[in-house]
Amino acid sequence: MKDRQKKAVSIKYTQNDFAPKITAKGKNKIAEEILKLAKENDIPIYEDRDLIEILYTMDVGYEIPETLYKAIAEILTFVYLANEKYKYMIKESGE
């Protein structure tokens, strides 16, 4: 059985972008650093082993192809909801 290496890919999408872009990727120690930075900056982390394998084949700066829009839309929805929950928690705590 093949051991899976830990992998991480970060994506970013702004209203000015045509499509979400890959902003960083790495495996093992670099993946751990990407995840650490995400946690430190309150960036939601979405885990999907199958999707990460596809995204990992793409270069940094690459726009996500249309065939993956549905999967990426699910991730962006997850991030949006996590951000809204975080804002609500901050508001409730009075920070």
Protein backbone atom coordinates (compact mmCIF):
# COMPACT_ATOMS: atom_id res chain seq x y z
CA MET A 1 0.00 0.00 0.00
CA LYS A 2 1.38 3.39 -1.00
CA ASP A 3 1.89 5.92 1.80
CA ARG A 4 0.18 9.22 1.14
CA GLN A 5 2.33 12.26 1.68
CA LYS A 6 0.77 15.20 3.45
CA LYS A 7 -0.11 17.83 0.84
CA ALA A 8 -1.60 21.31 1.01
CA VAL A 9 -2.76 23.74 -1.64
CA SER A 10 -3.99 27.26 -1.01
CA ILE A 11 -6.35 29.03 -3.35
CA LYS A 12 -7.49 32.62 -3.53
CA TYR A 13 -10.40 34.26 -5.27
CA THR A 14 -11.30 37.92 -5.44
CA GLN A 15 -14.05 39.63 -7.39
CA ASN A 16 -11.37 40.96 -9.76
CA ASP A 17 -10.23 37.45 -10.69
CA PHE A 18 -11.73 35.50 -13.56
CA ALA A 19 -11.31 32.26 -11.60
CA PRO A 20 -9.77 31.13 -8.30
CA LYS A 21 -5.98 30.77 -8.44
CA ILE A 22 -3.52 28.49 -6.72
CA THR A 23 -1.39 30.66 -4.45
CA ALA A 24 0.81 28.04 -2.75
CA LYS A 25 1.34 24.32 -2.60
CA GLY A 26 3.63 21.92 -0.84
CA LYS A 27 4.02 18.50 0.66
CA ASN A 28 5.21 17.19 4.00
CA LYS A 29 7.04 20.00 5.88
CA ILE A 30 5.95 22.69 3.43
CA ALA A 31 2.34 21.46 3.67
CA GLU A 32 2.59 21.65 7.45
CA GLU A 33 3.88 25.23 7.19
CA ILE A 34 1.04 26.22 4.85
CA LEU A 35 -1.50 24.76 7.30
CA LYS A 36 0.24 26.44 10.25
CA LEU A 37 0.11 29.83 8.52
CA ALA A 38 -3.55 29.32 7.66
CA LYS A 39 -4.38 28.54 11.28
CA GLU A 40 -2.35 31.50 12.57
CA ASN A 41 -4.24 33.81 10.22
CA ASP A 42 -7.69 32.34 10.92
CA ILE A 43 -8.00 31.04 7.37
CA PRO A 44 -10.47 28.14 7.21
CA ILE A 45 -9.02 24.80 6.16
CA TYR A 46 -11.04 22.49 3.93
CA GLU A 47 -9.93 18.88 3.58
CA ASP A 48 -10.64 16.75 0.51
CA ARG A 49 -7.99 14.15 -0.39
CA ASP A 50 -9.25 13.57 -3.92
CA LEU A 51 -9.43 17.27 -4.77
CA ILE A 52 -5.99 17.97 -3.30
CA GLU A 53 -4.49 15.35 -5.61
CA ILE A 54 -5.95 17.16 -8.63
CA LEU A 55 -5.05 20.67 -7.45
CA TYR A 56 -1.52 19.60 -6.52
CA THR A 57 -0.76 18.80 -10.17
CA MET A 58 -1.31 22.48 -11.09
CA ASP A 59 1.29 25.22 -10.88
CA VAL A 60 1.19 28.14 -8.45
CA GLY A 61 -0.55 31.07 -10.16
CA TYR A 62 -2.66 28.70 -12.27
CA GLU A 63 -6.35 29.51 -12.59
CA ILE A 64 -8.65 26.68 -11.58
CA PRO A 65 -10.14 25.08 -14.72
CA GLU A 66 -13.87 25.24 -15.34
CA THR A 67 -14.20 21.50 -14.78
CA LEU A 68 -13.39 22.08 -11.08
CA TYR A 69 -15.67 25.10 -10.53
CA LYS A 70 -18.33 23.09 -8.69
CA ALA A 71 -15.82 21.60 -6.24
CA ILE A 72 -14.16 24.99 -5.70
CA ALA A 73 -17.57 26.64 -5.23
CA GLU A 74 -18.22 24.20 -2.39
CA ILE A 75 -14.92 25.17 -0.79
CA LEU A 76 -15.59 28.89 -1.18
CA THR A 77 -19.03 28.39 0.37
CA PHE A 78 -17.38 26.58 3.30
CA VAL A 79 -14.90 29.46 3.70
CA TYR A 80 -17.61 32.10 3.46
CA LEU A 81 -19.72 30.37 6.13
CA ALA A 82 -16.68 29.89 8.36
CA ASN A 83 -15.82 33.59 8.02
CA GLU A 84 -19.38 34.61 8.89
CA LYS A 85 -19.35 32.32 11.93
CA TYR A 86 -16.01 33.81 13.01
CA LYS A 87 -17.33 37.38 12.64
CA TYR A 88 -20.40 36.46 14.70
CA MET A 89 -18.22 34.91 17.43
CA ILE A 90 -16.03 38.05 17.57
CA LYS A 91 -19.13 40.27 17.75
CA GLU A 92 -20.64 38.17 20.54
CA SER A 93 -17.39 38.23 22.54
CA GLY A 94 -17.24 42.04 22.31
CA GLU A 95 -13.80 42.21 20.68
